[in-house]
PDB file of all heavy atoms in Angstrom:
ATOM      1  N   LEU A   1    -113.914   5.107  18.454  1.00  0.00           N
ATOM      2  CA  LEU A   1    -112.624   4.485  18.170  1.00  0.00           C
ATOM      3  C   LEU A   1    -111.565   5.078  19.091  1.00  0.00           C
ATOM      4  O   LEU A   1    -111.766   6.135  19.686  1.00  0.00           O
ATOM      5  CB  LEU A   1    -112.231   4.704  16.703  1.00  0.00           C
ATOM      6  CG  LEU A   1    -113.194   4.133  15.654  1.00  0.00           C
ATOM      7  CD1 LEU A   1    -112.694   4.442  14.250  1.00  0.00           C
ATOM      8  CD2 LEU A   1    -113.393   2.641  15.837  1.00  0.00           C
ATOM      9  N   ILE A   2    -110.436   4.403  19.225  1.00  0.00           N
ATOM     10  CA  ILE A   2    -109.380   4.830  20.142  1.00  0.00           C
ATOM     11  C   ILE A   2    -108.948   6.262  19.831  1.00  0.00           C
ATOM     12  O   ILE A   2    -108.691   6.609  18.678  1.00  0.00           O
ATOM     13  CB  ILE A   2    -108.180   3.871  20.057  1.00  0.00           C
ATOM     14  CG1 ILE A   2    -108.565   2.486  20.607  1.00  0.00           C
ATOM     15  CG2 ILE A   2    -106.986   4.422  20.836  1.00  0.00           C
ATOM     16  CD1 ILE A   2    -107.502   1.421  20.379  1.00  0.00           C
ATOM     17  N   ASN A   3    -108.853   7.071  20.884  1.00  0.00           N
ATOM     18  CA  ASN A   3    -108.486   8.477  20.750  1.00  0.00           C
ATOM     19  C   ASN A   3    -106.959   8.605  20.850  1.00  0.00           C
ATOM     20  O   ASN A   3    -106.401   8.766  21.936  1.00  0.00           O
ATOM     21  CB  ASN A   3    -109.171   9.302  21.846  1.00  0.00           C
ATOM     22  CG  ASN A   3    -108.977  10.791  21.670  1.00  0.00           C
ATOM     23  OD1 ASN A   3    -108.016  11.235  21.027  1.00  0.00           O
ATOM     24  ND2 ASN A   3    -109.870  11.580  22.224  1.00  0.00           N
ATOM     25  N   PHE A   4    -106.284   8.531  19.706  1.00  0.00           N
ATOM     26  CA  PHE A   4    -104.821   8.569  19.704  1.00  0.00           C
ATOM     27  C   PHE A   4    -104.278   9.954  20.054  1.00  0.00           C
ATOM     28  O   PHE A   4    -103.177  10.064  20.602  1.00  0.00           O
ATOM     29  CB  PHE A   4    -104.288   8.097  18.352  1.00  0.00           C
ATOM     30  CG  PHE A   4    -104.318   6.603  18.189  1.00  0.00           C
ATOM     31  CD1 PHE A   4    -105.328   5.988  17.471  1.00  0.00           C
ATOM     32  CD2 PHE A   4    -103.333   5.814  18.768  1.00  0.00           C
ATOM     33  CE1 PHE A   4    -105.362   4.610  17.332  1.00  0.00           C
ATOM     34  CE2 PHE A   4    -103.359   4.435  18.630  1.00  0.00           C
ATOM     35  CZ  PHE A   4    -104.375   3.824  17.916  1.00  0.00           C
ATOM     36  N   GLU A   5    -105.025  10.988  19.771  1.00  0.00           N
ATOM     37  CA  GLU A   5    -104.587  12.327  20.171  1.00  0.00           C
ATOM     38  C   GLU A   5    -104.525  12.434  21.690  1.00  0.00           C
ATOM     39  O   GLU A   5    -103.580  13.008  22.252  1.00  0.00           O
ATOM     40  CB  GLU A   5    -105.541  13.387  19.603  1.00  0.00           C
ATOM     41  CG  GLU A   5    -105.408  13.598  18.104  1.00  0.00           C
ATOM     42  CD  GLU A   5    -106.250  14.763  17.615  1.00  0.00           C
ATOM     43  OE1 GLU A   5    -106.740  15.540  18.475  1.00  0.00           O
ATOM     44  OE2 GLU A   5    -106.420  14.906  16.393  1.00  0.00           O
ATOM     45  N   GLN A   6    -105.523  11.862  22.344  1.00  0.00           N
ATOM     46  CA  GLN A   6    -105.527  11.865  23.805  1.00  0.00           C
ATOM     47  C   GLN A   6    -104.356  11.053  24.350  1.00  0.00           C
ATOM     48  O   GLN A   6    -103.700  11.453  25.313  1.00  0.00           O
ATOM     49  CB  GLN A   6    -106.850  11.288  24.330  1.00  0.00           C
ATOM     50  CG  GLN A   6    -106.938  11.307  25.852  1.00  0.00           C
ATOM     51  CD  GLN A   6    -108.141  10.539  26.376  1.00  0.00           C
ATOM     52  OE1 GLN A   6    -108.606   9.604  25.745  1.00  0.00           O
ATOM     53  NE2 GLN A   6    -108.646  10.947  27.535  1.00  0.00           N
ATOM     54  N   ILE A   7    -104.079   9.890  23.730  1.00  0.00           N
ATOM     55  CA  ILE A   7    -102.960   9.055  24.168  1.00  0.00           C
ATOM     56  C   ILE A   7    -101.651   9.830  24.092  1.00  0.00           C
ATOM     57  O   ILE A   7    -100.845   9.811  25.033  1.00  0.00           O
ATOM     58  CB  ILE A   7    -102.879   7.767  23.314  1.00  0.00           C
ATOM     59  CG1 ILE A   7    -104.070   6.867  23.616  1.00  0.00           C
ATOM     60  CG2 ILE A   7    -101.568   7.026  23.566  1.00  0.00           C
ATOM     61  CD1 ILE A   7    -104.188   5.672  22.685  1.00  0.00           C
ATOM     62  N   GLU A   8    -101.458  10.538  22.993  1.00  0.00           N
ATOM     63  CA  GLU A   8    -100.208  11.295  22.835  1.00  0.00           C
ATOM     64  C   GLU A   8    -100.135  12.443  23.839  1.00  0.00           C
ATOM     65  O   GLU A   8     -99.078  12.703  24.414  1.00  0.00           O
ATOM     66  CB  GLU A   8    -100.063  11.805  21.405  1.00  0.00           C
ATOM     67  CG  GLU A   8     -98.727  12.459  21.151  1.00  0.00           C
ATOM     68  CD  GLU A   8     -98.295  12.422  19.695  1.00  0.00           C
ATOM     69  OE1 GLU A   8     -99.057  11.920  18.851  1.00  0.00           O
ATOM     70  OE2 GLU A   8     -97.173  12.898  19.414  1.00  0.00           O
ATOM     71  N   ASP A   9    -101.249  13.106  24.086  1.00  0.00           N
ATOM     72  CA  ASP A   9    -101.272  14.185  25.084  1.00  0.00           C
ATOM     73  C   ASP A   9    -100.925  13.654  26.475  1.00  0.00           C
ATOM     74  O   ASP A   9    -100.157  14.281  27.224  1.00  0.00           O
ATOM     75  CB  ASP A   9    -102.654  14.846  25.121  1.00  0.00           C
ATOM     76  CG  ASP A   9    -102.918  15.725  23.909  1.00  0.00           C
ATOM     77  OD1 ASP A   9    -101.940  16.082  23.214  1.00  0.00           O
ATOM     78  OD2 ASP A   9    -104.098  16.034  23.650  1.00  0.00           O
ATOM     79  N   LEU A  10    -101.476  12.478  26.814  1.00  0.00           N
ATOM     80  CA  LEU A  10    -101.221  11.892  28.133  1.00  0.00           C
ATOM     81  C   LEU A  10     -99.766  11.443  28.260  1.00  0.00           C
ATOM     82  O   LEU A  10     -99.153  11.570  29.326  1.00  0.00           O
ATOM     83  CB  LEU A  10    -102.165  10.710  28.375  1.00  0.00           C
ATOM     84  CG  LEU A  10    -103.652  11.075  28.544  1.00  0.00           C
ATOM     85  CD1 LEU A  10    -104.516   9.819  28.556  1.00  0.00           C
ATOM     86  CD2 LEU A  10    -103.866  11.872  29.820  1.00  0.00           C
ATOM     87  N   CYS A  11     -99.209  10.916  27.168  1.00  0.00           N
ATOM     88  CA  CYS A  11     -97.791  10.532  27.181  1.00  0.00           C
ATOM     89  C   CYS A  11     -96.893  11.750  27.376  1.00  0.00           C
ATOM     90  O   CYS A  11     -95.908  11.702  28.126  1.00  0.00           O
ATOM     91  CB  CYS A  11     -97.427   9.815  25.881  1.00  0.00           C
ATOM     92  SG  CYS A  11     -98.004   8.116  25.770  1.00  0.00           S
ATOM     93  N   ARG A  12     -97.245  12.810  26.709  1.00  0.00           N
ATOM     94  CA  ARG A  12     -96.455  14.045  26.803  1.00  0.00           C
ATOM     95  C   ARG A  12     -96.493  14.603  28.232  1.00  0.00           C
ATOM     96  O   ARG A  12     -95.489  15.081  28.755  1.00  0.00           O
ATOM     97  CB  ARG A  12     -97.007  15.080  25.819  1.00  0.00           C
ATOM     98  CG  ARG A  12     -96.171  16.347  25.714  1.00  0.00           C
ATOM     99  CD  ARG A  12     -96.802  17.353  24.773  1.00  0.00           C
ATOM    100  NE  ARG A  12     -97.019  16.821  23.446  1.00  0.00           N
ATOM    101  CZ  ARG A  12     -98.214  16.573  22.904  1.00  0.00           C
ATOM    102  NH1 ARG A  12     -99.326  16.828  23.609  1.00  0.00           N
ATOM    103  NH2 ARG A  12     -98.331  16.087  21.688  1.00  0.00           N
ATOM    104  N   THR A  13     -97.651  14.497  28.864  1.00  0.00           N
ATOM    105  CA  THR A  13     -97.835  15.077  30.197  1.00  0.00           C
ATOM    106  C   THR A  13     -97.291  14.194  31.313  1.00  0.00           C
ATOM    107  O   THR A  13     -96.622  14.680  32.237  1.00  0.00           O
ATOM    108  CB  THR A  13     -99.334  15.345  30.454  1.00  0.00           C
ATOM    109  OG1 THR A  13     -99.838  16.228  29.434  1.00  0.00           O
ATOM    110  CG2 THR A  13     -99.551  15.973  31.825  1.00  0.00           C
ATOM    111  N   TYR A  14     -97.562  12.859  31.221  1.00  0.00           N
ATOM    112  CA  TYR A  14     -97.290  11.973  32.357  1.00  0.00           C
ATOM    113  C   TYR A  14     -96.090  11.051  32.169  1.00  0.00           C
ATOM    114  O   TYR A  14     -95.666  10.409  33.129  1.00  0.00           O
ATOM    115  CB  TYR A  14     -98.533  11.129  32.662  1.00  0.00           C
ATOM    116  CG  TYR A  14     -99.699  11.956  33.130  1.00  0.00           C
ATOM    117  CD1 TYR A  14    -100.730  12.295  32.252  1.00  0.00           C
ATOM    118  CD2 TYR A  14     -99.770  12.398  34.450  1.00  0.00           C
ATOM    119  CE1 TYR A  14    -101.816  13.050  32.684  1.00  0.00           C
ATOM    120  CE2 TYR A  14    -100.849  13.160  34.887  1.00  0.00           C
ATOM    121  CZ  TYR A  14    -101.869  13.476  33.996  1.00  0.00           C
ATOM    122  OH  TYR A  14    -102.930  14.228  34.431  1.00  0.00           O
ATOM    123  N   LYS A  15     -95.549  10.949  30.960  1.00  0.00           N
ATOM    124  CA  LYS A  15     -94.363  10.115  30.705  1.00  0.00           C
ATOM    125  C   LYS A  15     -94.514   8.691  31.280  1.00  0.00           C
ATOM    126  O   LYS A  15     -93.741   8.268  32.152  1.00  0.00           O
ATOM    127  CB  LYS A  15     -93.112  10.760  31.297  1.00  0.00           C
ATOM    128  CG  LYS A  15     -92.846  12.189  30.862  1.00  0.00           C
ATOM    129  CD  LYS A  15     -92.532  12.270  29.366  1.00  0.00           C
ATOM    130  CE  LYS A  15     -92.050  13.660  28.965  1.00  0.00           C
ATOM    131  NZ  LYS A  15     -93.052  14.732  29.146  1.00  0.00           N
ATOM    132  N   PRO A  16     -95.487   7.916  30.810  1.00  0.00           N
ATOM    133  CA  PRO A  16     -95.691   6.571  31.365  1.00  0.00           C
ATOM    134  C   PRO A  16     -94.525   5.640  31.042  1.00  0.00           C
ATOM    135  O   PRO A  16     -93.856   5.793  30.021  1.00  0.00           O
ATOM    136  CB  PRO A  16     -96.973   6.099  30.673  1.00  0.00           C
ATOM    137  CG  PRO A  16     -97.010   6.857  29.382  1.00  0.00           C
ATOM    138  CD  PRO A  16     -96.431   8.208  29.711  1.00  0.00           C
ATOM    139  N   LYS A  17     -94.304   4.649  31.928  1.00  0.00           N
ATOM    140  CA  LYS A  17     -93.276   3.636  31.686  1.00  0.00           C
ATOM    141  C   LYS A  17     -93.782   2.587  30.688  1.00  0.00           C
ATOM    142  O   LYS A  17     -93.001   2.007  29.945  1.00  0.00           O
ATOM    143  CB  LYS A  17     -92.912   2.946  33.005  1.00  0.00           C
ATOM    144  CG  LYS A  17     -92.143   3.834  33.977  1.00  0.00           C
ATOM    145  CD  LYS A  17     -90.714   4.033  33.520  1.00  0.00           C
ATOM    146  CE  LYS A  17     -89.886   4.777  34.560  1.00  0.00           C
ATOM    147  NZ  LYS A  17     -89.665   3.990  35.786  1.00  0.00           N
ATOM    148  N   ILE A  18     -95.097   2.352  30.706  1.00  0.00           N
ATOM    149  CA  ILE A  18     -95.701   1.365  29.801  1.00  0.00           C
ATOM    150  C   ILE A  18     -97.027   1.907  29.274  1.00  0.00           C
ATOM    151  O   ILE A  18     -97.818   2.479  30.036  1.00  0.00           O
ATOM    152  CB  ILE A  18     -95.951   0.017  30.511  1.00  0.00           C
ATOM    153  CG1 ILE A  18     -94.641  -0.752  30.709  1.00  0.00           C
ATOM    154  CG2 ILE A  18     -96.923  -0.865  29.732  1.00  0.00           C
ATOM    155  CD1 ILE A  18     -94.819  -2.127  31.331  1.00  0.00           C
ATOM    156  N   ILE A  19     -97.251   1.722  27.966  1.00  0.00           N
ATOM    157  CA  ILE A  19     -98.563   1.947  27.359  1.00  0.00           C
ATOM    158  C   ILE A  19     -99.179   0.570  27.125  1.00  0.00           C
ATOM    159  O   ILE A  19     -98.519  -0.345  26.620  1.00  0.00           O
ATOM    160  CB  ILE A  19     -98.462   2.686  26.012  1.00  0.00           C
ATOM    161  CG1 ILE A  19     -97.781   4.043  26.176  1.00  0.00           C
ATOM    162  CG2 ILE A  19     -99.844   2.868  25.395  1.00  0.00           C
ATOM    163  CD1 ILE A  19     -97.500   4.735  24.844  1.00  0.00           C
ATOM    164  N   ILE A  20    -100.453   0.416  27.500  1.00  0.00           N
ATOM    165  CA  ILE A  20    -101.144  -0.861  27.315  1.00  0.00           C
ATOM    166  C   ILE A  20    -102.200  -0.699  26.225  1.00  0.00           C
ATOM    167  O   ILE A  20    -103.084   0.154  26.321  1.00  0.00           O
ATOM    168  CB  ILE A  20    -101.819  -1.329  28.613  1.00  0.00           C
ATOM    169  CG1 ILE A  20    -100.805  -1.343  29.758  1.00  0.00           C
ATOM    170  CG2 ILE A  20    -102.431  -2.719  28.422  1.00  0.00           C
ATOM    171  CD1 ILE A  20    -101.439  -1.501  31.124  1.00  0.00           C
ATOM    172  N   ALA A  21    -102.089  -1.521  25.190  1.00  0.00           N
ATOM    173  CA  ALA A  21    -103.092  -1.554  24.121  1.00  0.00           C
ATOM    174  C   ALA A  21    -103.855  -2.871  24.223  1.00  0.00           C
ATOM    175  O   ALA A  21    -103.306  -3.895  24.621  1.00  0.00           O
ATOM    176  CB  ALA A  21    -102.426  -1.435  22.756  1.00  0.00           C
ATOM    177  N   GLY A  22    -105.108  -2.842  23.821  1.00  0.00           N
ATOM    178  CA  GLY A  22    -105.946  -4.038  23.911  1.00  0.00           C
ATOM    179  C   GLY A  22    -106.990  -3.857  24.991  1.00  0.00           C
ATOM    180  O   GLY A  22    -106.865  -3.002  25.870  1.00  0.00           O
ATOM    181  N   GLY A  23    -108.044  -4.655  24.940  1.00  0.00           N
ATOM    182  CA  GLY A  23    -109.112  -4.512  25.919  1.00  0.00           C
ATOM    183  C   GLY A  23    -110.009  -5.723  25.946  1.00  0.00           C
ATOM    184  O   GLY A  23    -109.738  -6.748  25.313  1.00  0.00           O
ATOM    185  N   SER A  24    -111.091  -5.601  26.694  1.00  0.00           N
ATOM    186  CA  SER A  24    -112.020  -6.718  26.826  1.00  0.00           C
ATOM    187  C   SER A  24    -113.360  -6.447  26.156  1.00  0.00           C
ATOM    188  O   SER A  24    -114.206  -7.340  26.091  1.00  0.00           O
ATOM    189  CB  SER A  24    -112.251  -7.026  28.307  1.00  0.00           C
ATOM    190  OG  SER A  24    -112.826  -5.918  28.975  1.00  0.00           O
ATOM    191  N   ALA A  25    -113.559  -5.220  25.669  1.00  0.00           N
ATOM    192  CA  ALA A  25    -114.833  -4.909  25.026  1.00  0.00           C
ATOM    193  C   ALA A  25    -114.636  -3.895  23.907  1.00  0.00           C
ATOM    194  O   ALA A  25    -115.445  -2.982  23.737  1.00  0.00           O
ATOM    195  CB  ALA A  25    -115.838  -4.383  26.055  1.00  0.00           C
ATOM    196  N   TYR A  26    -113.566  -4.057  23.151  1.00  0.00           N
ATOM    197  CA  TYR A  26    -113.299  -3.178  22.006  1.00  0.00           C
ATOM    198  C   TYR A  26    -113.412  -4.023  20.742  1.00  0.00           C
ATOM    199  O   TYR A  26    -112.691  -5.004  20.577  1.00  0.00           O
ATOM    200  CB  TYR A  26    -111.910  -2.553  22.121  1.00  0.00           C
ATOM    201  CG  TYR A  26    -111.642  -1.480  21.095  1.00  0.00           C
ATOM    202  CD1 TYR A  26    -112.229  -0.221  21.203  1.00  0.00           C
ATOM    203  CD2 TYR A  26    -110.809  -1.724  20.007  1.00  0.00           C
ATOM    204  CE1 TYR A  26    -111.991   0.768  20.262  1.00  0.00           C
ATOM    205  CE2 TYR A  26    -110.555  -0.734  19.065  1.00  0.00           C
ATOM    206  CZ  TYR A  26    -111.152   0.508  19.191  1.00  0.00           C
ATOM    207  OH  TYR A  26    -110.908   1.481  18.249  1.00  0.00           O
ATOM    208  N   SER A  27    -114.308  -3.633  19.849  1.00  0.00           N
ATOM    209  CA  SER A  27    -114.680  -4.514  18.743  1.00  0.00           C
ATOM    210  C   SER A  27    -114.006  -4.188  17.413  1.00  0.00           C
ATOM    211  O   SER A  27    -114.330  -4.806  16.393  1.00  0.00           O
ATOM    212  CB  SER A  27    -116.198  -4.467  18.541  1.00  0.00           C
ATOM    213  OG  SER A  27    -116.613  -3.158  18.168  1.00  0.00           O
ATOM    214  N   ARG A  28    -113.075  -3.267  17.422  1.00  0.00           N
ATOM    215  CA  ARG A  28    -112.426  -2.867  16.167  1.00  0.00           C
ATOM    216  C   ARG A  28    -110.943  -3.242  16.156  1.00  0.00           C
ATOM    217  O   ARG A  28    -110.337  -3.480  17.204  1.00  0.00           O
ATOM    218  CB  ARG A  28    -112.577  -1.361  15.961  1.00  0.00           C
ATOM    219  CG  ARG A  28    -114.019  -0.924  15.732  1.00  0.00           C
ATOM    220  CD  ARG A  28    -114.608  -1.565  14.499  1.00  0.00           C
ATOM    221  NE  ARG A  28    -115.894  -1.005  14.121  1.00  0.00           N
ATOM    222  CZ  ARG A  28    -116.571  -1.315  13.006  1.00  0.00           C
ATOM    223  NH1 ARG A  28    -116.056  -2.207  12.163  1.00  0.00           N
ATOM    224  NH2 ARG A  28    -117.723  -0.759  12.733  1.00  0.00           N
ATOM    225  N   PHE A  29    -110.363  -3.311  14.960  1.00  0.00           N
ATOM    226  CA  PHE A  29    -108.925  -3.524  14.857  1.00  0.00           C
ATOM    227  C   PHE A  29    -108.199  -2.399  15.598  1.00  0.00           C
ATOM    228  O   PHE A  29    -108.647  -1.250  15.597  1.00  0.00           O
ATOM    229  CB  PHE A  29    -108.466  -3.519  13.394  1.00  0.00           C
ATOM    230  CG  PHE A  29    -108.880  -4.737  12.611  1.00  0.00           C
ATOM    231  CD1 PHE A  29    -109.117  -4.639  11.243  1.00  0.00           C
ATOM    232  CD2 PHE A  29    -109.015  -5.973  13.211  1.00  0.00           C
ATOM    233  CE1 PHE A  29    -109.484  -5.754  10.505  1.00  0.00           C
ATOM    234  CE2 PHE A  29    -109.376  -7.095  12.485  1.00  0.00           C
ATOM    235  CZ  PHE A  29    -109.611  -6.981  11.128  1.00  0.00           C
ATOM    236  N   ILE A  30    -107.066  -2.740  16.181  1.00  0.00           N
ATOM    237  CA  ILE A  30    -106.241  -1.759  16.877  1.00  0.00           C
ATOM    238  C   ILE A  30    -105.028  -1.443  16.003  1.00  0.00           C
ATOM    239  O   ILE A  30    -104.376  -2.350  15.480  1.00  0.00           O
ATOM    240  CB  ILE A  30    -105.790  -2.307  18.243  1.00  0.00           C
ATOM    241  CG1 ILE A  30    -107.017  -2.536  19.141  1.00  0.00           C
ATOM    242  CG2 ILE A  30    -104.815  -1.353  18.919  1.00  0.00           C
ATOM    243  CD1 ILE A  30    -106.705  -3.251  20.440  1.00  0.00           C
ATOM    244  N   ASP A  31    -104.742  -0.176  15.848  1.00  0.00           N
ATOM    245  CA  ASP A  31    -103.618   0.258  15.014  1.00  0.00           C
ATOM    246  C   ASP A  31    -102.327   0.140  15.819  1.00  0.00           C
ATOM    247  O   ASP A  31    -101.883   1.092  16.463  1.00  0.00           O
ATOM    248  CB  ASP A  31    -103.841   1.697  14.545  1.00  0.00           C
ATOM    249  CG  ASP A  31    -102.869   2.105  13.446  1.00  0.00           C
ATOM    250  OD1 ASP A  31    -101.769   1.514  13.369  1.00  0.00           O
ATOM    251  OD2 ASP A  31    -103.198   3.021  12.669  1.00  0.00           O
ATOM    252  N   PHE A  32    -101.712  -1.030  15.798  1.00  0.00           N
ATOM    253  CA  PHE A  32    -100.499  -1.272  16.576  1.00  0.00           C
ATOM    254  C   PHE A  32     -99.334  -0.406  16.096  1.00  0.00           C
ATOM    255  O   PHE A  32     -98.491   0.010  16.894  1.00  0.00           O
ATOM    256  CB  PHE A  32    -100.109  -2.753  16.503  1.00  0.00           C
ATOM    257  CG  PHE A  32    -101.180  -3.695  16.972  1.00  0.00           C
ATOM    258  CD1 PHE A  32    -101.648  -4.711  16.144  1.00  0.00           C
ATOM    259  CD2 PHE A  32    -101.734  -3.562  18.229  1.00  0.00           C
ATOM    260  CE1 PHE A  32    -102.627  -5.576  16.569  1.00  0.00           C
ATOM    261  CE2 PHE A  32    -102.726  -4.432  18.667  1.00  0.00           C
ATOM    262  CZ  PHE A  32    -103.175  -5.440  17.832  1.00  0.00           C
ATOM    263  N   LYS A  33     -99.305  -0.146  14.798  1.00  0.00           N
ATOM    264  CA  LYS A  33     -98.238   0.685  14.249  1.00  0.00           C
ATOM    265  C   LYS A  33     -98.289   2.089  14.835  1.00  0.00           C
ATOM    266  O   LYS A  33     -97.246   2.683  15.169  1.00  0.00           O
ATOM    267  CB  LYS A  33     -98.355   0.736  12.720  1.00  0.00           C
ATOM    268  CG  LYS A  33     -97.193   1.418  12.027  1.00  0.00           C
ATOM    269  CD  LYS A  33     -97.331   1.315  10.507  1.00  0.00           C
ATOM    270  CE  LYS A  33     -96.137   1.954   9.807  1.00  0.00           C
ATOM    271  NZ  LYS A  33     -96.257   1.842   8.319  1.00  0.00           N
ATOM    272  N   LYS A  34     -99.482   2.622  14.996  1.00  0.00           N
ATOM    273  CA  LYS A  34     -99.632   3.967  15.568  1.00  0.00           C
ATOM    274  C   LYS A  34     -99.236   3.961  17.045  1.00  0.00           C
ATOM    275  O   LYS A  34     -98.589   4.899  17.530  1.00  0.00           O
ATOM    276  CB  LYS A  34    -101.075   4.439  15.389  1.00  0.00           C
ATOM    277  CG  LYS A  34    -101.290   5.909  15.697  1.00  0.00           C
ATOM    278  CD  LYS A  34    -102.677   6.363  15.300  1.00  0.00           C
ATOM    279  CE  LYS A  34    -102.830   6.464  13.789  1.00  0.00           C
ATOM    280  NZ  LYS A  34    -104.131   7.079  13.403  1.00  0.00           N
ATOM    281  N   PHE A  35     -99.593   2.892  17.773  1.00  0.00           N
ATOM    282  CA  PHE A  35     -99.173   2.773  19.167  1.00  0.00           C
ATOM    283  C   PHE A  35     -97.642   2.723  19.267  1.00  0.00           C
ATOM    284  O   PHE A  35     -97.038   3.338  20.139  1.00  0.00           O
ATOM    285  CB  PHE A  35     -99.767   1.513  19.801  1.00  0.00           C
ATOM    286  CG  PHE A  35    -101.063   1.727  20.530  1.00  0.00           C
ATOM    287  CD1 PHE A  35    -102.264   1.269  19.997  1.00  0.00           C
ATOM    288  CD2 PHE A  35    -101.091   2.382  21.746  1.00  0.00           C
ATOM    289  CE1 PHE A  35    -103.457   1.453  20.663  1.00  0.00           C
ATOM    290  CE2 PHE A  35    -102.284   2.583  22.432  1.00  0.00           C
ATOM    291  CZ  PHE A  35    -103.473   2.122  21.890  1.00  0.00           C
TER     292      PHE A  35
END
């Protein structure tokens, strides 16, 4: 499942302008609220 801890670590380190959620081969619900 999506590694939200990693996402937060990467945001903290790299300060992205955009986070992209969604994919072409992910079969589970995505927690949009957490994103």
